[in-house]
Amino acid sequence: MDFSTNIETFLSDNISDTVFIQKAYYYLLGREPDPHGMQHYLSLLHDGADRMSILSSLRFSAEGKRRYKRIKQFDQAIIRYKRRSRIRRLIIRLIGRKKKSPSTNIQPLLSAREQVIYLQLQQALHSNRE
């Protein structure tokens, strides 16, 4: 599997967690996973972590920073993942607010695209409350 051109396949559930971790180590660190690393990342996946967070963890580990060869598509996927994570946190904040609690103005913290999504979510939540 060519990681640089098939990141969607790489992140899909079409390969087992064990094979995913082996390939992630190979592509990002240039080696096989040690037993402790394999067990650690398998545990994270079984506890609900997503595959992109595992890749990000390996990529930005001390070893990953030393060995990493820039793969444009991977870097773009990391950026998209971080944006989605940020949006997820905002959604949780919106949904978690109580009806009578004062509104928290988080719009200044958002990019233009995130503001559009935020406003759409806010409108949808408001219409559901009525």
N, C-alpha and C. Protein backbone atom coordinates (compact mmCIF):
# COMPACT_ATOMS: atom_id res chain seq x y z
N MET A 1 0.85 -1.18 0.00
CA MET A 1 0.00 0.00 0.00
C MET A 1 0.89 1.24 0.00
N ASP A 2 0.66 2.14 -0.91
CA ASP A 2 1.41 3.39 -0.98
C ASP A 2 0.72 4.42 -0.11
N PHE A 3 1.29 4.67 1.05
CA PHE A 3 0.68 5.56 2.03
C PHE A 3 0.39 6.94 1.45
N SER A 4 1.29 7.47 0.66
CA SER A 4 1.14 8.84 0.17
C SER A 4 -0.04 9.01 -0.77
N THR A 5 -0.47 7.96 -1.43
CA THR A 5 -1.57 8.11 -2.38
C THR A 5 -2.85 7.41 -1.94
N ASN A 6 -2.81 6.65 -0.87
CA ASN A 6 -3.99 5.89 -0.43
C ASN A 6 -4.31 6.10 1.04
N ILE A 7 -4.25 7.34 1.51
CA ILE A 7 -4.47 7.57 2.93
C ILE A 7 -5.87 7.16 3.36
N GLU A 8 -6.87 7.35 2.49
CA GLU A 8 -8.23 6.97 2.85
C GLU A 8 -8.33 5.46 3.08
N THR A 9 -7.71 4.69 2.20
CA THR A 9 -7.69 3.24 2.36
C THR A 9 -6.92 2.87 3.63
N PHE A 10 -5.82 3.55 3.85
CA PHE A 10 -4.99 3.29 5.01
C PHE A 10 -5.76 3.52 6.30
N LEU A 11 -6.63 4.54 6.32
CA LEU A 11 -7.39 4.87 7.52
C LEU A 11 -8.68 4.07 7.65
N SER A 12 -9.08 3.38 6.61
CA SER A 12 -10.35 2.64 6.64
C SER A 12 -10.24 1.41 7.52
N ASP A 13 -11.38 0.79 7.74
CA ASP A 13 -11.41 -0.43 8.55
C ASP A 13 -11.13 -1.68 7.72
N ASN A 14 -10.69 -1.50 6.48
CA ASN A 14 -10.44 -2.65 5.60
C ASN A 14 -9.19 -3.43 5.99
N ILE A 15 -8.34 -2.85 6.82
CA ILE A 15 -7.17 -3.57 7.32
C ILE A 15 -7.31 -3.68 8.84
N SER A 16 -6.77 -4.74 9.39
CA SER A 16 -6.88 -4.96 10.84
C SER A 16 -6.08 -3.89 11.60
N ASP A 17 -6.41 -3.73 12.87
CA ASP A 17 -5.68 -2.77 13.70
C ASP A 17 -4.20 -3.11 13.78
N THR A 18 -3.88 -4.39 13.86
CA THR A 18 -2.48 -4.82 13.94
C THR A 18 -1.73 -4.44 12.67
N VAL A 19 -2.32 -4.72 11.52
CA VAL A 19 -1.68 -4.38 10.24
C VAL A 19 -1.57 -2.86 10.11
N PHE A 20 -2.61 -2.14 10.52
CA PHE A 20 -2.57 -0.68 10.49
C PHE A 20 -1.38 -0.15 11.28
N ILE A 21 -1.20 -0.64 12.50
CA ILE A 21 -0.10 -0.16 13.34
C ILE A 21 1.25 -0.54 12.73
N GLN A 22 1.37 -1.75 12.20
CA GLN A 22 2.62 -2.15 11.55
C GLN A 22 2.95 -1.21 10.40
N LYS A 23 1.97 -0.92 9.56
CA LYS A 23 2.20 -0.04 8.41
C LYS A 23 2.49 1.39 8.85
N ALA A 24 1.80 1.85 9.88
CA ALA A 24 2.04 3.21 10.38
C ALA A 24 3.48 3.35 10.87
N TYR A 25 3.95 2.38 11.62
CA TYR A 25 5.34 2.40 12.09
C TYR A 25 6.30 2.38 10.90
N TYR A 26 6.02 1.52 9.95
CA TYR A 26 6.91 1.40 8.79
C TYR A 26 6.99 2.72 8.02
N TYR A 27 5.83 3.30 7.69
CA TYR A 27 5.82 4.51 6.87
C TYR A 27 6.32 5.74 7.61
N LEU A 28 6.02 5.84 8.90
CA LEU A 28 6.38 7.05 9.63
C LEU A 28 7.69 6.93 10.39
N LEU A 29 8.03 5.73 10.86
CA LEU A 29 9.24 5.57 11.65
C LEU A 29 10.30 4.70 10.98
N GLY A 30 9.93 4.04 9.89
CA GLY A 30 10.89 3.24 9.15
C GLY A 30 11.27 1.93 9.82
N ARG A 31 10.40 1.43 10.69
CA ARG A 31 10.72 0.19 11.41
C ARG A 31 9.44 -0.52 11.82
N GLU A 32 9.63 -1.74 12.31
CA GLU A 32 8.52 -2.51 12.87
C GLU A 32 8.21 -1.98 14.28
N PRO A 33 6.98 -2.08 14.72
CA PRO A 33 6.68 -1.65 16.10
C PRO A 33 7.28 -2.62 17.12
N ASP A 34 7.78 -2.07 18.21
CA ASP A 34 8.23 -2.92 19.31
C ASP A 34 6.98 -3.45 20.02
N PRO A 35 7.10 -4.53 20.79
CA PRO A 35 5.92 -5.12 21.44
C PRO A 35 5.15 -4.12 22.32
N HIS A 36 5.87 -3.29 23.07
CA HIS A 36 5.21 -2.31 23.93
C HIS A 36 4.42 -1.30 23.09
N GLY A 37 5.02 -0.80 22.03
CA GLY A 37 4.34 0.16 21.16
C GLY A 37 3.12 -0.44 20.50
N MET A 38 3.25 -1.68 20.03
CA MET A 38 2.12 -2.36 19.41
C MET A 38 0.96 -2.47 20.40
N GLN A 39 1.27 -2.94 21.61
CA GLN A 39 0.23 -3.10 22.63
C GLN A 39 -0.40 -1.76 23.01
N HIS A 40 0.43 -0.74 23.14
CA HIS A 40 -0.05 0.60 23.50
C HIS A 40 -1.06 1.11 22.47
N TYR A 41 -0.69 1.06 21.20
CA TYR A 41 -1.58 1.59 20.17
C TYR A 41 -2.80 0.71 19.93
N LEU A 42 -2.65 -0.60 20.08
CA LEU A 42 -3.83 -1.48 20.00
C LEU A 42 -4.82 -1.15 21.12
N SER A 43 -4.30 -0.91 22.32
CA SER A 43 -5.17 -0.54 23.44
C SER A 43 -5.90 0.77 23.17
N LEU A 44 -5.18 1.74 22.62
CA LEU A 44 -5.82 3.02 22.30
C LEU A 44 -6.94 2.83 21.28
N LEU A 45 -6.67 2.05 20.23
CA LEU A 45 -7.70 1.80 19.22
C LEU A 45 -8.90 1.07 19.82
N HIS A 46 -8.64 0.10 20.65
CA HIS A 46 -9.74 -0.67 21.26
C HIS A 46 -10.53 0.18 22.25
N ASP A 47 -9.89 1.23 22.79
CA ASP A 47 -10.58 2.14 23.71
C ASP A 47 -11.29 3.28 22.99
N GLY A 48 -11.25 3.27 21.65
CA GLY A 48 -12.02 4.25 20.89
C GLY A 48 -11.23 5.31 20.16
N ALA A 49 -9.91 5.31 20.27
CA ALA A 49 -9.12 6.30 19.53
C ALA A 49 -9.28 6.03 18.04
N ASP A 50 -9.25 7.09 17.24
CA ASP A 50 -9.33 6.86 15.79
C ASP A 50 -7.94 6.73 15.20
N ARG A 51 -7.89 6.20 14.01
CA ARG A 51 -6.60 5.90 13.38
C ARG A 51 -5.78 7.15 13.09
N MET A 52 -6.45 8.25 12.75
CA MET A 52 -5.70 9.47 12.46
C MET A 52 -5.00 9.97 13.72
N SER A 53 -5.61 9.81 14.88
CA SER A 53 -4.94 10.24 16.11
C SER A 53 -3.70 9.39 16.39
N ILE A 54 -3.75 8.11 16.02
CA ILE A 54 -2.58 7.24 16.17
C ILE A 54 -1.47 7.70 15.23
N LEU A 55 -1.83 7.98 13.98
CA LEU A 55 -0.83 8.47 13.02
C LEU A 55 -0.23 9.78 13.49
N SER A 56 -1.07 10.67 13.98
CA SER A 56 -0.59 11.96 14.46
C SER A 56 0.36 11.77 15.64
N SER A 57 0.01 10.87 16.54
CA SER A 57 0.87 10.59 17.69
C SER A 57 2.24 10.08 17.26
N LEU A 58 2.25 9.15 16.32
CA LEU A 58 3.53 8.63 15.81
C LEU A 58 4.30 9.71 15.06
N ARG A 59 3.61 10.46 14.23
CA ARG A 59 4.25 11.49 13.42
C ARG A 59 4.93 12.55 14.29
N PHE A 60 4.26 12.94 15.39
CA PHE A 60 4.79 14.03 16.21
C PHE A 60 5.52 13.55 17.46
N SER A 61 5.78 12.24 17.54
CA SER A 61 6.63 11.72 18.62
C SER A 61 8.07 12.18 18.36
N ALA A 62 8.92 12.08 19.36
CA ALA A 62 10.32 12.49 19.19
C ALA A 62 10.96 11.72 18.03
N GLU A 63 10.72 10.41 17.98
CA GLU A 63 11.28 9.59 16.90
C GLU A 63 10.67 9.98 15.56
N GLY A 64 9.38 10.23 15.55
CA GLY A 64 8.69 10.62 14.32
C GLY A 64 9.23 11.92 13.75
N LYS A 65 9.51 12.87 14.63
CA LYS A 65 10.05 14.16 14.18
C LYS A 65 11.44 13.99 13.58
N ARG A 66 12.23 13.07 14.14
CA ARG A 66 13.59 12.85 13.62
C ARG A 66 13.56 12.13 12.28
N ARG A 67 12.68 11.16 12.13
CA ARG A 67 12.72 10.26 10.97
C ARG A 67 11.75 10.63 9.86
N TYR A 68 10.79 11.45 10.16
CA TYR A 68 9.68 11.69 9.23
C TYR A 68 10.15 12.30 7.92
N LYS A 69 9.67 11.70 6.84
CA LYS A 69 9.88 12.28 5.51
C LYS A 69 8.55 12.90 5.11
N ARG A 70 8.59 14.11 4.67
CA ARG A 70 7.36 14.85 4.37
C ARG A 70 6.54 14.14 3.29
N ILE A 71 5.29 13.83 3.64
CA ILE A 71 4.33 13.27 2.70
C ILE A 71 3.19 14.27 2.64
N LYS A 72 3.07 14.98 1.52
CA LYS A 72 2.11 16.08 1.40
C LYS A 72 0.70 15.65 1.78
N GLN A 73 0.24 14.54 1.27
CA GLN A 73 -1.14 14.12 1.53
C GLN A 73 -1.35 13.83 3.01
N PHE A 74 -0.34 13.28 3.66
CA PHE A 74 -0.47 13.01 5.09
C PHE A 74 -0.56 14.31 5.87
N ASP A 75 0.30 15.27 5.55
CA ASP A 75 0.25 16.55 6.25
C ASP A 75 -1.10 17.22 6.07
N GLN A 76 -1.67 17.15 4.86
CA GLN A 76 -3.00 17.72 4.63
C GLN A 76 -4.06 16.99 5.44
N ALA A 77 -3.94 15.68 5.54
CA ALA A 77 -4.90 14.90 6.33
C ALA A 77 -4.80 15.26 7.81
N ILE A 78 -3.60 15.48 8.30
CA ILE A 78 -3.41 15.89 9.70
C ILE A 78 -4.10 17.23 9.93
N ILE A 79 -3.93 18.17 9.01
CA ILE A 79 -4.57 19.48 9.14
C ILE A 79 -6.08 19.34 9.18
N ARG A 80 -6.63 18.53 8.26
CA ARG A 80 -8.09 18.32 8.25
C ARG A 80 -8.56 17.68 9.56
N TYR A 81 -7.79 16.72 10.05
CA TYR A 81 -8.14 16.05 11.30
C TYR A 81 -8.17 17.05 12.46
N LYS A 82 -7.17 17.91 12.54
CA LYS A 82 -7.12 18.89 13.62
C LYS A 82 -8.29 19.86 13.53
N ARG A 83 -8.66 20.26 12.32
CA ARG A 83 -9.83 21.13 12.15
C ARG A 83 -11.10 20.44 12.62
N ARG A 84 -11.27 19.17 12.21
CA ARG A 84 -12.47 18.43 12.63
C ARG A 84 -12.49 18.26 14.14
N SER A 85 -11.33 18.02 14.74
CA SER A 85 -11.27 17.87 16.20
C SER A 85 -11.69 19.16 16.88
N ARG A 86 -11.24 20.26 16.34
CA ARG A 86 -11.60 21.57 16.89
C ARG A 86 -13.11 21.79 16.78
N ILE A 87 -13.66 21.44 15.64
CA ILE A 87 -15.10 21.60 15.44
C ILE A 87 -15.87 20.68 16.38
N ARG A 88 -15.38 19.45 16.57
CA ARG A 88 -16.04 18.53 17.51
C ARG A 88 -16.08 19.11 18.91
N ARG A 89 -14.98 19.72 19.35
CA ARG A 89 -14.96 20.32 20.69
C ARG A 89 -15.98 21.45 20.79
N LEU A 90 -16.11 22.23 19.70
CA LEU A 90 -17.09 23.31 19.70
C LEU A 90 -18.51 22.76 19.76
N ILE A 91 -18.75 21.70 19.03
CA ILE A 91 -20.08 21.07 19.05
C ILE A 91 -20.40 20.60 20.47
N ILE A 92 -19.45 19.97 21.11
CA ILE A 92 -19.66 19.49 22.48
C ILE A 92 -19.96 20.66 23.41
N ARG A 93 -19.24 21.77 23.22
CA ARG A 93 -19.51 22.95 24.04
C ARG A 93 -20.92 23.46 23.80
N LEU A 94 -21.33 23.49 22.53
CA LEU A 94 -22.68 23.98 22.21
C LEU A 94 -23.75 23.07 22.79
N ILE A 95 -23.61 21.79 22.58
CA ILE A 95 -24.62 20.85 23.03
C ILE A 95 -24.62 20.76 24.55
N GLY A 96 -23.46 20.89 25.15
CA GLY A 96 -23.34 20.75 26.59
C GLY A 96 -23.86 21.94 27.37
N ARG A 97 -24.05 23.08 26.72
CA ARG A 97 -24.56 24.25 27.43
C ARG A 97 -25.99 24.03 27.87
N LYS A 98 -26.29 24.52 29.03
CA LYS A 98 -27.67 24.44 29.51
C LYS A 98 -28.48 25.55 28.86
N LYS A 99 -29.75 25.31 28.74
CA LYS A 99 -30.65 26.25 28.07
C LYS A 99 -30.60 27.64 28.69
N LYS A 100 -30.52 27.73 30.01
CA LYS A 100 -30.58 29.02 30.69
C LYS A 100 -29.20 29.64 30.90
N SER A 101 -28.14 28.94 30.56
CA SER A 101 -26.81 29.48 30.80
C SER A 101 -26.51 30.59 29.80
N PRO A 102 -25.69 31.56 30.20
CA PRO A 102 -25.37 32.64 29.27
C PRO A 102 -24.61 32.12 28.06
N SER A 103 -24.82 32.78 26.96
CA SER A 103 -24.18 32.37 25.71
C SER A 103 -22.69 32.70 25.76
N THR A 104 -21.88 31.75 25.38
CA THR A 104 -20.44 31.96 25.29
C THR A 104 -20.11 32.34 23.86
N ASN A 105 -19.46 33.48 23.68
CA ASN A 105 -19.14 33.93 22.34
C ASN A 105 -17.79 33.36 21.91
N ILE A 106 -17.85 32.31 21.10
CA ILE A 106 -16.62 31.68 20.64
C ILE A 106 -16.33 32.01 19.18
N GLN A 107 -17.21 32.77 18.55
CA GLN A 107 -17.03 33.07 17.13
C GLN A 107 -15.70 33.73 16.79
N PRO A 108 -15.19 34.66 17.59
CA PRO A 108 -13.90 35.28 17.22
C PRO A 108 -12.75 34.29 17.12
N LEU A 109 -12.89 33.11 17.72
CA LEU A 109 -11.82 32.12 17.71
C LEU A 109 -11.82 31.25 16.47
N LEU A 110 -12.84 31.39 15.63
CA LEU A 110 -13.03 30.48 14.51
C LEU A 110 -12.56 31.05 13.19
N SER A 111 -12.14 30.16 12.29
CA SER A 111 -11.84 30.57 10.92
C SER A 111 -13.16 30.82 10.20
N ALA A 112 -13.13 31.36 9.02
CA ALA A 112 -14.35 31.66 8.26
C ALA A 112 -15.18 30.40 8.03
N ARG A 113 -14.55 29.32 7.63
CA ARG A 113 -15.27 28.07 7.37
C ARG A 113 -15.88 27.53 8.66
N GLU A 114 -15.11 27.59 9.74
CA GLU A 114 -15.62 27.11 11.02
C GLU A 114 -16.79 27.97 11.50
N GLN A 115 -16.74 29.29 11.20
CA GLN A 115 -17.84 30.17 11.60
C GLN A 115 -19.13 29.77 10.91
N VAL A 116 -19.05 29.43 9.62
CA VAL A 116 -20.25 29.00 8.89
C VAL A 116 -20.82 27.75 9.54
N ILE A 117 -19.97 26.78 9.83
CA ILE A 117 -20.42 25.54 10.46
C ILE A 117 -20.99 25.83 11.84
N TYR A 118 -20.32 26.69 12.60
CA TYR A 118 -20.79 27.06 13.94
C TYR A 118 -22.18 27.68 13.87
N LEU A 119 -22.38 28.62 12.95
CA LEU A 119 -23.68 29.28 12.83
C LEU A 119 -24.77 28.29 12.42
N GLN A 120 -24.44 27.38 11.51
CA GLN A 120 -25.41 26.37 11.10
C GLN A 120 -25.79 25.48 12.29
N LEU A 121 -24.80 25.08 13.06
CA LEU A 121 -25.07 24.25 14.24
C LEU A 121 -25.90 25.01 15.27
N GLN A 122 -25.55 26.26 15.49
CA GLN A 122 -26.28 27.08 16.45
C GLN A 122 -27.74 27.23 16.02
N GLN A 123 -27.99 27.47 14.73
CA GLN A 123 -29.36 27.59 14.23
C GLN A 123 -30.11 26.28 14.39
N ALA A 124 -29.45 25.18 14.08
CA ALA A 124 -30.10 23.87 14.20
C ALA A 124 -30.45 23.57 15.66
N LEU A 125 -29.53 23.86 16.56
CA LEU A 125 -29.80 23.62 17.98
C LEU A 125 -30.92 24.51 18.48
N HIS A 126 -30.93 25.76 18.04
CA HIS A 126 -31.97 26.70 18.45
C HIS A 126 -33.34 26.24 17.95
N SER A 127 -33.40 25.80 16.71
CA SER A 127 -34.69 25.36 16.15
C SER A 127 -35.17 24.07 16.82
N ASN A 128 -34.25 23.22 17.28
CA ASN A 128 -34.64 21.99 17.99
C ASN A 128 -35.19 22.28 19.38
N ARG A 129 -34.75 23.38 19.99
CA ARG A 129 -35.21 23.73 21.34
C ARG A 129 -36.62 24.31 21.32
N GLU A 130 -37.03 24.85 20.19
CA GLU A 130 -38.35 25.49 20.11
C GLU A 130 -39.46 24.53 19.91
